[in-house]
């Protein structure tokens, strides 16, 4: 079991919308219902893992100048589906804000940091 500081996870509105409007429809179009359920569960297990040691994740180089120090956690379901879970850490409130679920094959200019 993890010891030490625990962060609250907050999904931003933009991350929820990306997941609902783009990620979930893509999964439903390209994977079986059983696999969609598995992938969905695995993604949110990864998100939950950010409660402990979110600093272990790398900074997103495309947003290196962002004052929020945006980081990402990589999730890979297959060679056709790889996702960056984008987030920043607010040390004052002890929260991790998930800002985007970003498919790695998407244009990098579309990454959301808020």
PDB file of N, CA and C in Angstrom:
ATOM      1  N   UNK A   1       0.835  -1.191   0.000  1.00  0.00           N
ATOM      2  CA  UNK A   1       0.000   0.000   0.000  1.00  0.00           C
ATOM      3  C   UNK A   1       0.870   1.240   0.000  1.00  0.00           C
ATOM      4  N   UNK A   2       0.389   2.294  -0.614  1.00  0.00           N
ATOM      5  CA  UNK A   2       1.119   3.547  -0.677  1.00  0.00           C
ATOM      6  C   UNK A   2       1.048   4.266   0.655  1.00  0.00           C
ATOM      7  N   UNK A   3       2.142   4.927   1.000  1.00  0.00           N
ATOM      8  CA  UNK A   3       2.174   5.756   2.189  1.00  0.00           C
ATOM      9  C   UNK A   3       2.493   7.174   1.764  1.00  0.00           C
ATOM     10  N   UNK A   4       2.214   8.113   2.646  1.00  0.00           N
ATOM     11  CA  UNK A   4       2.553   9.494   2.346  1.00  0.00           C
ATOM     12  C   UNK A   4       1.358  10.279   1.864  1.00  0.00           C
ATOM     13  N   UNK A   5       1.683  11.360   1.178  1.00  0.00           N
ATOM     14  CA  UNK A   5       0.661  12.286   0.733  1.00  0.00           C
ATOM     15  C   UNK A   5      -0.309  11.655  -0.266  1.00  0.00           C
ATOM     16  N   UNK A   6      -1.553  12.051  -0.140  1.00  0.00           N
ATOM     17  CA  UNK A   6      -2.588  11.576  -1.053  1.00  0.00           C
ATOM     18  C   UNK A   6      -3.260  12.797  -1.689  1.00  0.00           C
ATOM     19  N   UNK A   7      -3.396  12.762  -3.005  1.00  0.00           N
ATOM     20  CA  UNK A   7      -3.982  13.869  -3.748  1.00  0.00           C
ATOM     21  C   UNK A   7      -5.407  13.531  -4.164  1.00  0.00           C
ATOM     22  N   UNK A   8      -6.255  14.542  -4.152  1.00  0.00           N
ATOM     23  CA  UNK A   8      -7.611  14.390  -4.672  1.00  0.00           C
ATOM     24  C   UNK A   8      -7.546  14.543  -6.187  1.00  0.00           C
ATOM     25  N   UNK A   9      -8.266  13.705  -6.898  1.00  0.00           N
ATOM     26  CA  UNK A   9      -8.300  13.768  -8.362  1.00  0.00           C
ATOM     27  C   UNK A   9      -9.517  14.581  -8.801  1.00  0.00           C
ATOM     28  N   UNK A  10      -9.284  15.548  -9.680  1.00  0.00           N
ATOM     29  CA  UNK A  10     -10.357  16.375 -10.224  1.00  0.00           C
ATOM     30  C   UNK A  10     -10.289  16.279 -11.741  1.00  0.00           C
ATOM     31  N   UNK A  11     -11.373  15.848 -12.353  1.00  0.00           N
ATOM     32  CA  UNK A  11     -11.461  15.829 -13.820  1.00  0.00           C
ATOM     33  C   UNK A  11     -12.055  17.159 -14.264  1.00  0.00           C
ATOM     34  N   UNK A  12     -11.326  17.888 -15.103  1.00  0.00           N
ATOM     35  CA  UNK A  12     -11.848  19.160 -15.596  1.00  0.00           C
ATOM     36  C   UNK A  12     -12.968  18.893 -16.598  1.00  0.00           C
ATOM     37  N   UNK A  13     -13.761  19.914 -16.810  1.00  0.00           N
ATOM     38  CA  UNK A  13     -14.864  19.793 -17.775  1.00  0.00           C
ATOM     39  C   UNK A  13     -14.324  19.436 -19.163  1.00  0.00           C
ATOM     40  N   UNK A  14     -13.214  20.061 -19.552  1.00  0.00           N
ATOM     41  CA  UNK A  14     -12.659  19.791 -20.887  1.00  0.00           C
ATOM     42  C   UNK A  14     -12.182  18.345 -21.018  1.00  0.00           C
ATOM     43  N   UNK A  15     -11.651  17.769 -19.942  1.00  0.00           N
ATOM     44  CA  UNK A  15     -11.215  16.367 -20.018  1.00  0.00           C
ATOM     45  C   UNK A  15     -12.418  15.429 -20.126  1.00  0.00           C
ATOM     46  N   UNK A  16     -13.468  15.736 -19.396  1.00  0.00           N
ATOM     47  CA  UNK A  16     -14.683  14.917 -19.471  1.00  0.00           C
ATOM     48  C   UNK A  16     -15.292  14.989 -20.869  1.00  0.00           C
ATOM     49  N   UNK A  17     -15.343  16.193 -21.417  1.00  0.00           N
ATOM     50  CA  UNK A  17     -15.909  16.349 -22.765  1.00  0.00           C
ATOM     51  C   UNK A  17     -15.078  15.622 -23.810  1.00  0.00           C
ATOM     52  N   UNK A  18     -13.748  15.701 -23.715  1.00  0.00           N
ATOM     53  CA  UNK A  18     -12.901  14.983 -24.681  1.00  0.00           C
ATOM     54  C   UNK A  18     -13.187  13.488 -24.593  1.00  0.00           C
ATOM     55  N   UNK A  19     -13.268  12.981 -23.368  1.00  0.00           N
ATOM     56  CA  UNK A  19     -13.508  11.547 -23.205  1.00  0.00           C
ATOM     57  C   UNK A  19     -14.866  11.158 -23.781  1.00  0.00           C
ATOM     58  N   UNK A  20     -15.905  11.908 -23.438  1.00  0.00           N
ATOM     59  CA  UNK A  20     -17.263  11.590 -23.902  1.00  0.00           C
ATOM     60  C   UNK A  20     -17.429  11.776 -25.410  1.00  0.00           C
ATOM     61  N   UNK A  21     -16.877  12.849 -25.941  1.00  0.00           N
ATOM     62  CA  UNK A  21     -17.132  13.211 -27.339  1.00  0.00           C
ATOM     63  C   UNK A  21     -16.177  12.574 -28.343  1.00  0.00           C
ATOM     64  N   UNK A  22     -14.962  12.216 -27.902  1.00  0.00           N
ATOM     65  CA  UNK A  22     -13.974  11.712 -28.847  1.00  0.00           C
ATOM     66  C   UNK A  22     -13.421  10.334 -28.498  1.00  0.00           C
ATOM     67  N   UNK A  23     -13.009  10.153 -27.249  1.00  0.00           N
ATOM     68  CA  UNK A  23     -12.350   8.905 -26.872  1.00  0.00           C
ATOM     69  C   UNK A  23     -13.335   7.743 -26.844  1.00  0.00           C
ATOM     70  N   UNK A  24     -14.417   7.907 -26.118  1.00  0.00           N
ATOM     71  CA  UNK A  24     -15.380   6.814 -25.982  1.00  0.00           C
ATOM     72  C   UNK A  24     -15.993   6.410 -27.332  1.00  0.00           C
ATOM     73  N   UNK A  25     -16.414   7.352 -28.169  1.00  0.00           N
ATOM     74  CA  UNK A  25     -16.910   6.951 -29.501  1.00  0.00           C
ATOM     75  C   UNK A  25     -15.859   6.216 -30.332  1.00  0.00           C
ATOM     76  N   UNK A  26     -14.603   6.660 -30.245  1.00  0.00           N
ATOM     77  CA  UNK A  26     -13.531   5.971 -30.973  1.00  0.00           C
ATOM     78  C   UNK A  26     -13.403   4.527 -30.482  1.00  0.00           C
ATOM     79  N   UNK A  27     -13.396   4.349 -29.178  1.00  0.00           N
ATOM     80  CA  UNK A  27     -13.290   3.000 -28.616  1.00  0.00           C
ATOM     81  C   UNK A  27     -14.436   2.121 -29.093  1.00  0.00           C
ATOM     82  N   UNK A  28     -15.652   2.659 -29.042  1.00  0.00           N
ATOM     83  CA  UNK A  28     -16.824   1.882 -29.470  1.00  0.00           C
ATOM     84  C   UNK A  28     -16.779   1.502 -30.939  1.00  0.00           C
ATOM     85  N   UNK A  29     -16.135   2.322 -31.745  1.00  0.00           N
ATOM     86  CA  UNK A  29     -16.030   2.046 -33.184  1.00  0.00           C
ATOM     87  C   UNK A  29     -14.932   1.051 -33.521  1.00  0.00           C
ATOM     88  N   UNK A  30     -13.954   0.908 -32.645  1.00  0.00           N
ATOM     89  CA  UNK A  30     -12.766   0.133 -32.989  1.00  0.00           C
ATOM     90  C   UNK A  30     -12.489  -1.087 -32.118  1.00  0.00           C
ATOM     91  N   UNK A  31     -13.252  -1.272 -31.058  1.00  0.00           N
ATOM     92  CA  UNK A  31     -13.034  -2.399 -30.157  1.00  0.00           C
ATOM     93  C   UNK A  31     -14.364  -3.066 -29.817  1.00  0.00           C
ATOM     94  N   UNK A  32     -14.281  -4.290 -29.379  1.00  0.00           N
ATOM     95  CA  UNK A  32     -15.477  -5.020 -28.960  1.00  0.00           C
ATOM     96  C   UNK A  32     -16.013  -4.402 -27.666  1.00  0.00           C
ATOM     97  N   UNK A  33     -17.303  -4.588 -27.380  1.00  0.00           N
ATOM     98  CA  UNK A  33     -17.865  -4.039 -26.132  1.00  0.00           C
ATOM     99  C   UNK A  33     -17.097  -4.483 -24.885  1.00  0.00           C
ATOM    100  N   UNK A  34     -16.680  -5.730 -24.857  1.00  0.00           N
ATOM    101  CA  UNK A  34     -15.916  -6.231 -23.706  1.00  0.00           C
ATOM    102  C   UNK A  34     -14.582  -5.503 -23.576  1.00  0.00           C
ATOM    103  N   UNK A  35     -13.906  -5.293 -24.704  1.00  0.00           N
ATOM    104  CA  UNK A  35     -12.609  -4.611 -24.677  1.00  0.00           C
ATOM    105  C   UNK A  35     -12.778  -3.131 -24.332  1.00  0.00           C
ATOM    106  N   UNK A  36     -13.857  -2.504 -24.801  1.00  0.00           N
ATOM    107  CA  UNK A  36     -14.136  -1.106 -24.448  1.00  0.00           C
ATOM    108  C   UNK A  36     -14.272  -0.982 -22.933  1.00  0.00           C
ATOM    109  N   UNK A  37     -14.998  -1.900 -22.331  1.00  0.00           N
ATOM    110  CA  UNK A  37     -15.166  -1.895 -20.877  1.00  0.00           C
ATOM    111  C   UNK A  37     -13.810  -2.043 -20.182  1.00  0.00           C
ATOM    112  N   UNK A  38     -12.984  -2.954 -20.670  1.00  0.00           N
ATOM    113  CA  UNK A  38     -11.655  -3.169 -20.081  1.00  0.00           C
ATOM    114  C   UNK A  38     -10.783  -1.917 -20.202  1.00  0.00           C
ATOM    115  N   UNK A  39     -10.772  -1.322 -21.384  1.00  0.00           N
ATOM    116  CA  UNK A  39      -9.954  -0.128 -21.618  1.00  0.00           C
ATOM    117  C   UNK A  39     -10.435   1.015 -20.727  1.00  0.00           C
ATOM    118  N   UNK A  40     -11.726   1.230 -20.674  1.00  0.00           N
ATOM    119  CA  UNK A  40     -12.309   2.277 -19.837  1.00  0.00           C
ATOM    120  C   UNK A  40     -11.871   2.088 -18.374  1.00  0.00           C
ATOM    121  N   UNK A  41     -11.980   0.874 -17.885  1.00  0.00           N
ATOM    122  CA  UNK A  41     -11.578   0.560 -16.510  1.00  0.00           C
ATOM    123  C   UNK A  41     -10.089   0.820 -16.302  1.00  0.00           C
ATOM    124  N   UNK A  42      -9.270   0.380 -17.243  1.00  0.00           N
ATOM    125  CA  UNK A  42      -7.824   0.561 -17.134  1.00  0.00           C
ATOM    126  C   UNK A  42      -7.436   2.042 -17.144  1.00  0.00           C
ATOM    127  N   UNK A  43      -8.082   2.836 -17.992  1.00  0.00           N
ATOM    128  CA  UNK A  43      -7.779   4.271 -18.053  1.00  0.00           C
ATOM    129  C   UNK A  43      -8.062   4.917 -16.699  1.00  0.00           C
ATOM    130  N   UNK A  44      -9.217   4.612 -16.125  1.00  0.00           N
ATOM    131  CA  UNK A  44      -9.569   5.267 -14.867  1.00  0.00           C
ATOM    132  C   UNK A  44      -8.814   4.695 -13.668  1.00  0.00           C
ATOM    133  N   UNK A  45      -8.295   3.491 -13.800  1.00  0.00           N
ATOM    134  CA  UNK A  45      -7.370   2.988 -12.780  1.00  0.00           C
ATOM    135  C   UNK A  45      -6.064   3.790 -12.837  1.00  0.00           C
ATOM    136  N   UNK A  46      -5.618   4.098 -14.050  1.00  0.00           N
ATOM    137  CA  UNK A  46      -4.423   4.944 -14.215  1.00  0.00           C
ATOM    138  C   UNK A  46      -4.664   6.322 -13.602  1.00  0.00           C
ATOM    139  N   UNK A  47      -5.829   6.899 -13.898  1.00  0.00           N
ATOM    140  CA  UNK A  47      -6.170   8.205 -13.322  1.00  0.00           C
ATOM    141  C   UNK A  47      -6.128   8.110 -11.794  1.00  0.00           C
ATOM    142  N   UNK A  48      -6.741   7.096 -11.231  1.00  0.00           N
ATOM    143  CA  UNK A  48      -6.757   6.927  -9.771  1.00  0.00           C
ATOM    144  C   UNK A  48      -5.352   6.761  -9.196  1.00  0.00           C
ATOM    145  N   UNK A  49      -4.447   6.200  -9.967  1.00  0.00           N
ATOM    146  CA  UNK A  49      -3.078   6.002  -9.482  1.00  0.00           C
ATOM    147  C   UNK A  49      -2.370   7.336  -9.242  1.00  0.00           C
ATOM    148  N   UNK A  50      -2.894   8.419  -9.808  1.00  0.00           N
ATOM    149  CA  UNK A  50      -2.299   9.738  -9.611  1.00  0.00           C
ATOM    150  C   UNK A  50      -2.516  10.267  -8.198  1.00  0.00           C
ATOM    151  N   UNK A  51      -3.351   9.598  -7.420  1.00  0.00           N
ATOM    152  CA  UNK A  51      -3.551   9.996  -6.024  1.00  0.00           C
ATOM    153  C   UNK A  51      -2.239   9.901  -5.245  1.00  0.00           C
ATOM    154  N   UNK A  52      -1.384   9.003  -5.683  1.00  0.00           N
ATOM    155  CA  UNK A  52      -0.114   8.750  -5.010  1.00  0.00           C
ATOM    156  C   UNK A  52       1.033   9.031  -5.977  1.00  0.00           C
ATOM    157  N   UNK A  53       1.932   9.855  -5.593  1.00  0.00           N
ATOM    158  CA  UNK A  53       3.147  10.154  -6.351  1.00  0.00           C
ATOM    159  C   UNK A  53       2.903  10.640  -7.782  1.00  0.00           C
ATOM    160  N   UNK A  54       2.087  11.657  -7.976  1.00  0.00           N
ATOM    161  CA  UNK A  54       1.874  12.153  -9.343  1.00  0.00           C
ATOM    162  C   UNK A  54       3.134  12.784  -9.946  1.00  0.00           C
ATOM    163  N   UNK A  55       4.089  13.144  -9.100  1.00  0.00           N
ATOM    164  CA  UNK A  55       5.330  13.750  -9.594  1.00  0.00           C
ATOM    165  C   UNK A  55       6.193  12.755 -10.367  1.00  0.00           C
ATOM    166  N   UNK A  56       5.863  11.468 -10.275  1.00  0.00           N
ATOM    167  CA  UNK A  56       6.648  10.443 -10.979  1.00  0.00           C
ATOM    168  C   UNK A  56       6.510  10.561 -12.495  1.00  0.00           C
ATOM    169  N   UNK A  57       5.499  11.253 -12.937  1.00  0.00           N
ATOM    170  CA  UNK A  57       5.206  11.364 -14.368  1.00  0.00           C
ATOM    171  C   UNK A  57       6.013  12.495 -15.006  1.00  0.00           C
ATOM    172  N   UNK A  58       6.259  12.343 -16.293  1.00  0.00           N
ATOM    173  CA  UNK A  58       7.064  13.311 -17.050  1.00  0.00           C
ATOM    174  C   UNK A  58       6.283  14.577 -17.363  1.00  0.00           C
ATOM    175  N   UNK A  59       7.031  15.668 -17.507  1.00  0.00           N
ATOM    176  CA  UNK A  59       6.440  16.922 -17.980  1.00  0.00           C
ATOM    177  C   UNK A  59       6.144  16.788 -19.470  1.00  0.00           C
ATOM    178  N   UNK A  60       5.058  17.395 -19.901  1.00  0.00           N
ATOM    179  CA  UNK A  60       4.688  17.403 -21.313  1.00  0.00           C
ATOM    180  C   UNK A  60       5.528  18.470 -22.022  1.00  0.00           C
ATOM    181  N   UNK A  61       6.362  18.037 -22.939  1.00  0.00           N
ATOM    182  CA  UNK A  61       7.285  18.945 -23.623  1.00  0.00           C
ATOM    183  C   UNK A  61       6.571  19.991 -24.476  1.00  0.00           C
ATOM    184  N   UNK A  62       5.402  19.646 -25.009  1.00  0.00           N
ATOM    185  CA  UNK A  62       4.656  20.613 -25.821  1.00  0.00           C
ATOM    186  C   UNK A  62       4.124  21.766 -24.963  1.00  0.00           C
ATOM    187  N   UNK A  63       4.045  21.556 -23.646  1.00  0.00           N
ATOM    188  CA  UNK A  63       3.517  22.579 -22.736  1.00  0.00           C
ATOM    189  C   UNK A  63       4.551  22.973 -21.686  1.00  0.00           C
ATOM    190  N   UNK A  64       5.810  22.854 -22.030  1.00  0.00           N
ATOM    191  CA  UNK A  64       6.885  23.084 -21.061  1.00  0.00           C
ATOM    192  C   UNK A  64       6.872  24.516 -20.526  1.00  0.00           C
ATOM    193  N   UNK A  65       6.365  25.465 -21.299  1.00  0.00           N
ATOM    194  CA  UNK A  65       6.319  26.860 -20.859  1.00  0.00           C
ATOM    195  C   UNK A  65       5.069  27.193 -20.043  1.00  0.00           C
ATOM    196  N   UNK A  66       4.143  26.265 -19.935  1.00  0.00           N
ATOM    197  CA  UNK A  66       2.926  26.490 -19.156  1.00  0.00           C
ATOM    198  C   UNK A  66       3.288  26.598 -17.677  1.00  0.00           C
ATOM    199  N   UNK A  67       2.771  27.596 -17.003  1.00  0.00           N
ATOM    200  CA  UNK A  67       3.096  27.817 -15.591  1.00  0.00           C
ATOM    201  C   UNK A  67       2.570  26.715 -14.676  1.00  0.00           C
ATOM    202  N   UNK A  68       1.652  25.903 -15.159  1.00  0.00           N
ATOM    203  CA  UNK A  68       1.066  24.837 -14.341  1.00  0.00           C
ATOM    204  C   UNK A  68       1.910  23.562 -14.301  1.00  0.00           C
ATOM    205  N   UNK A  69       2.983  23.501 -15.030  1.00  0.00           N
ATOM    206  CA  UNK A  69       3.835  22.301 -15.076  1.00  0.00           C
ATOM    207  C   UNK A  69       3.010  21.060 -15.423  1.00  0.00           C
ATOM    208  N   UNK A  70       2.427  21.079 -16.607  1.00  0.00           N
ATOM    209  CA  UNK A  70       1.571  19.978 -17.066  1.00  0.00           C
ATOM    210  C   UNK A  70       2.404  18.714 -17.267  1.00  0.00           C
ATOM    211  N   UNK A  71       1.889  17.624 -16.742  1.00  0.00           N
ATOM    212  CA  UNK A  71       2.528  16.313 -16.833  1.00  0.00           C
ATOM    213  C   UNK A  71       1.589  15.352 -17.552  1.00  0.00           C
ATOM    214  N   UNK A  72       2.101  14.166 -17.853  1.00  0.00           N
ATOM    215  CA  UNK A  72       1.236  13.167 -18.473  1.00  0.00           C
ATOM    216  C   UNK A  72       1.576  11.770 -17.967  1.00  0.00           C
ATOM    217  N   UNK A  73       0.574  10.929 -18.035  1.00  0.00           N
ATOM    218  CA  UNK A  73       0.692   9.515 -17.733  1.00  0.00           C
ATOM    219  C   UNK A  73       0.230   8.789 -18.989  1.00  0.00           C
ATOM    220  N   UNK A  74       1.060   7.915 -19.509  1.00  0.00           N
ATOM    221  CA  UNK A  74       0.759   7.243 -20.769  1.00  0.00           C
ATOM    222  C   UNK A  74      -0.041   5.967 -20.532  1.00  0.00           C
ATOM    223  N   UNK A  75      -1.078   5.786 -21.341  1.00  0.00           N
ATOM    224  CA  UNK A  75      -1.862   4.549 -21.339  1.00  0.00           C
ATOM    225  C   UNK A  75      -1.847   3.997 -22.757  1.00  0.00           C
ATOM    226  N   UNK A  76      -1.521   2.720 -22.888  1.00  0.00           N
ATOM    227  CA  UNK A  76      -1.483   2.098 -24.210  1.00  0.00           C
ATOM    228  C   UNK A  76      -2.331   0.830 -24.198  1.00  0.00           C
ATOM    229  N   UNK A  77      -3.376   0.823 -25.031  1.00  0.00           N
ATOM    230  CA  UNK A  77      -4.252  -0.343 -25.149  1.00  0.00           C
ATOM    231  C   UNK A  77      -3.816  -1.242 -26.297  1.00  0.00           C
ATOM    232  N   UNK A  78      -3.293  -0.627 -27.349  1.00  0.00           N
ATOM    233  CA  UNK A  78      -2.860  -1.366 -28.535  1.00  0.00           C
ATOM    234  C   UNK A  78      -2.006  -0.426 -29.381  1.00  0.00           C
ATOM    235  N   UNK A  79      -1.494  -0.949 -30.485  1.00  0.00           N
ATOM    236  CA  UNK A  79      -0.711  -0.088 -31.372  1.00  0.00           C
ATOM    237  C   UNK A  79      -1.584   0.991 -32.022  1.00  0.00           C
ATOM    238  N   UNK A  80      -2.890   0.763 -32.056  1.00  0.00           N
ATOM    239  CA  UNK A  80      -3.811   1.743 -32.637  1.00  0.00           C
ATOM    240  C   UNK A  80      -4.355   2.733 -31.614  1.00  0.00           C
ATOM    241  N   UNK A  81      -4.157   2.463 -30.325  1.00  0.00           N
ATOM    242  CA  UNK A  81      -4.743   3.349 -29.320  1.00  0.00           C
ATOM    243  C   UNK A  81      -3.782   3.572 -28.155  1.00  0.00           C
ATOM    244  N   UNK A  82      -3.253   4.778 -28.132  1.00  0.00           N
ATOM    245  CA  UNK A  82      -2.364   5.203 -27.060  1.00  0.00           C
ATOM    246  C   UNK A  82      -2.844   6.586 -26.622  1.00  0.00           C
ATOM    247  N   UNK A  83      -2.873   6.805 -25.330  1.00  0.00           N
ATOM    248  CA  UNK A  83      -3.501   7.986 -24.768  1.00  0.00           C
ATOM    249  C   UNK A  83      -2.600   8.607 -23.712  1.00  0.00           C
ATOM    250  N   UNK A  84      -2.481   9.930 -23.748  1.00  0.00           N
ATOM    251  CA  UNK A  84      -1.804  10.640 -22.675  1.00  0.00           C
ATOM    252  C   UNK A  84      -2.874  11.204 -21.749  1.00  0.00           C
ATOM    253  N   UNK A  85      -2.749  10.890 -20.476  1.00  0.00           N
ATOM    254  CA  UNK A  85      -3.621  11.471 -19.469  1.00  0.00           C
ATOM    255  C   UNK A  85      -2.883  12.719 -18.980  1.00  0.00           C
ATOM    256  N   UNK A  86      -3.358  13.880 -19.386  1.00  0.00           N
ATOM    257  CA  UNK A  86      -2.705  15.154 -19.096  1.00  0.00           C
ATOM    258  C   UNK A  86      -3.218  15.703 -17.769  1.00  0.00           C
ATOM    259  N   UNK A  87      -2.295  16.237 -16.942  1.00  0.00           N
ATOM    260  CA  UNK A  87      -2.705  16.752 -15.637  1.00  0.00           C
ATOM    261  C   UNK A  87      -1.681  17.733 -15.096  1.00  0.00           C
ATOM    262  N   UNK A  88      -2.119  18.491 -14.101  1.00  0.00           N
ATOM    263  CA  UNK A  88      -1.186  19.309 -13.331  1.00  0.00           C
ATOM    264  C   UNK A  88      -1.515  19.137 -11.858  1.00  0.00           C
ATOM    265  N   UNK A  89      -0.540  19.454 -11.028  1.00  0.00           N
ATOM    266  CA  UNK A  89      -0.655  19.249  -9.590  1.00  0.00           C
ATOM    267  C   UNK A  89      -0.777  20.605  -8.911  1.00  0.00           C
ATOM    268  N   UNK A  90      -1.787  20.741  -8.067  1.00  0.00           N
ATOM    269  CA  UNK A  90      -1.937  21.938  -7.239  1.00  0.00           C
ATOM    270  C   UNK A  90      -1.545  21.550  -5.821  1.00  0.00           C
ATOM    271  N   UNK A  91      -0.327  21.918  -5.432  1.00  0.00           N
ATOM    272  CA  UNK A  91       0.204  21.542  -4.119  1.00  0.00           C
ATOM    273  C   UNK A  91      -0.543  22.225  -2.979  1.00  0.00           C
ATOM    274  N   UNK A  92      -1.063  23.424  -3.229  1.00  0.00           N
ATOM    275  CA  UNK A  92      -1.766  24.165  -2.180  1.00  0.00           C
ATOM    276  C   UNK A  92      -3.038  23.434  -1.750  1.00  0.00           C
ATOM    277  N   UNK A  93      -3.802  22.961  -2.720  1.00  0.00           N
ATOM    278  CA  UNK A  93      -5.062  22.279  -2.410  1.00  0.00           C
ATOM    279  C   UNK A  93      -4.913  20.756  -2.354  1.00  0.00           C
ATOM    280  N   UNK A  94      -3.705  20.259  -2.643  1.00  0.00           N
ATOM    281  CA  UNK A  94      -3.449  18.811  -2.670  1.00  0.00           C
ATOM    282  C   UNK A  94      -4.353  18.099  -3.675  1.00  0.00           C
ATOM    283  N   UNK A  95      -4.440  18.692  -4.861  1.00  0.00           N
ATOM    284  CA  UNK A  95      -5.285  18.125  -5.920  1.00  0.00           C
ATOM    285  C   UNK A  95      -4.479  17.919  -7.193  1.00  0.00           C
ATOM    286  N   UNK A  96      -4.902  16.909  -7.936  1.00  0.00           N
ATOM    287  CA  UNK A  96      -4.388  16.662  -9.283  1.00  0.00           C
ATOM    288  C   UNK A  96      -5.548  16.942 -10.229  1.00  0.00           C
ATOM    289  N   UNK A  97      -5.340  17.875 -11.143  1.00  0.00           N
ATOM    290  CA  UNK A  97      -6.369  18.238 -12.110  1.00  0.00           C
ATOM    291  C   UNK A  97      -6.070  17.565 -13.446  1.00  0.00           C
ATOM    292  N   UNK A  98      -6.917  16.625 -13.838  1.00  0.00           N
ATOM    293  CA  UNK A  98      -6.789  15.969 -15.142  1.00  0.00           C
ATOM    294  C   UNK A  98      -7.424  16.908 -16.152  1.00  0.00           C
ATOM    295  N   UNK A  99      -6.601  17.368 -17.107  1.00  0.00           N
ATOM    296  CA  UNK A  99      -7.058  18.384 -18.056  1.00  0.00           C
ATOM    297  C   UNK A  99      -7.407  17.842 -19.437  1.00  0.00           C
ATOM    298  N   UNK A 100      -6.916  16.639 -19.742  1.00  0.00           N
ATOM    299  CA  UNK A 100      -7.158  16.121 -21.085  1.00  0.00           C
ATOM    300  C   UNK A 100      -6.863  14.625 -21.145  1.00  0.00           C
ATOM    301  N   UNK A 101      -7.563  13.959 -22.033  1.00  0.00           N
ATOM    302  CA  UNK A 101      -7.264  12.587 -22.449  1.00  0.00           C
ATOM    303  C   UNK A 101      -6.861  12.739 -23.908  1.00  0.00           C
ATOM    304  N   UNK A 102      -5.565  12.726 -24.155  1.00  0.00           N
ATOM    305  CA  UNK A 102      -5.062  13.115 -25.467  1.00  0.00           C
ATOM    306  C   UNK A 102      -4.525  11.924 -26.252  1.00  0.00           C
ATOM    307  N   UNK A 103      -5.195  11.547 -27.356  1.00  0.00           N
ATOM    308  CA  UNK A 103      -4.682  10.467 -28.206  1.00  0.00           C
ATOM    309  C   UNK A 103      -3.341  10.888 -28.823  1.00  0.00           C
ATOM    310  N   UNK A 104      -2.342  10.065 -28.690  1.00  0.00           N
ATOM    311  CA  UNK A 104      -1.001  10.431 -29.139  1.00  0.00           C
ATOM    312  C   UNK A 104      -0.905  10.628 -30.650  1.00  0.00           C
ATOM    313  N   UNK A 105      -1.830  10.089 -31.404  1.00  0.00           N
ATOM    314  CA  UNK A 105      -1.787  10.247 -32.861  1.00  0.00           C
ATOM    315  C   UNK A 105      -2.477  11.534 -33.327  1.00  0.00           C
ATOM    316  N   UNK A 106      -3.032  12.294 -32.382  1.00  0.00           N
ATOM    317  CA  UNK A 106      -3.713  13.535 -32.694  1.00  0.00           C
ATOM    318  C   UNK A 106      -2.699  14.666 -32.846  1.00  0.00           C
ATOM    319  N   UNK A 107      -3.056  15.714 -33.551  1.00  0.00           N
ATOM    320  CA  UNK A 107      -2.221  16.895 -33.731  1.00  0.00           C
ATOM    321  C   UNK A 107      -1.853  17.462 -32.352  1.00  0.00           C
ATOM    322  N   UNK A 108      -0.564  17.564 -32.021  1.00  0.00           N
ATOM    323  CA  UNK A 108      -0.134  18.057 -30.705  1.00  0.00           C
ATOM    324  C   UNK A 108      -0.642  19.452 -30.353  1.00  0.00           C
ATOM    325  N   UNK A 109      -0.982  20.247 -31.334  1.00  0.00           N
ATOM    326  CA  UNK A 109      -1.488  21.585 -31.056  1.00  0.00           C
ATOM    327  C   UNK A 109      -2.853  21.561 -30.366  1.00  0.00           C
ATOM    328  N   UNK A 110      -3.500  20.409 -30.335  1.00  0.00           N
ATOM    329  CA  UNK A 110      -4.824  20.285 -29.731  1.00  0.00           C
ATOM    330  C   UNK A 110      -4.810  19.847 -28.272  1.00  0.00           C
ATOM    331  N   UNK A 111      -3.634  19.748 -27.650  1.00  0.00           N
ATOM    332  CA  UNK A 111      -3.538  19.380 -26.238  1.00  0.00           C
ATOM    333  C   UNK A 111      -4.182  20.479 -25.390  1.00  0.00           C
ATOM    334  N   UNK A 112      -4.949  20.052 -24.393  1.00  0.00           N
ATOM    335  CA  UNK A 112      -5.610  21.004 -23.481  1.00  0.00           C
ATOM    336  C   UNK A 112      -4.895  20.996 -22.140  1.00  0.00           C
ATOM    337  N   UNK A 113      -4.532  22.190 -21.673  1.00  0.00           N
ATOM    338  CA  UNK A 113      -3.849  22.283 -20.379  1.00  0.00           C
ATOM    339  C   UNK A 113      -4.775  22.810 -19.287  1.00  0.00           C
ATOM    340  N   UNK A 114      -6.003  23.167 -19.639  1.00  0.00           N
ATOM    341  CA  UNK A 114      -6.963  23.637 -18.625  1.00  0.00           C
ATOM    342  C   UNK A 114      -8.288  22.974 -18.828  1.00  0.00           C
TER     343      UNK A 114
END
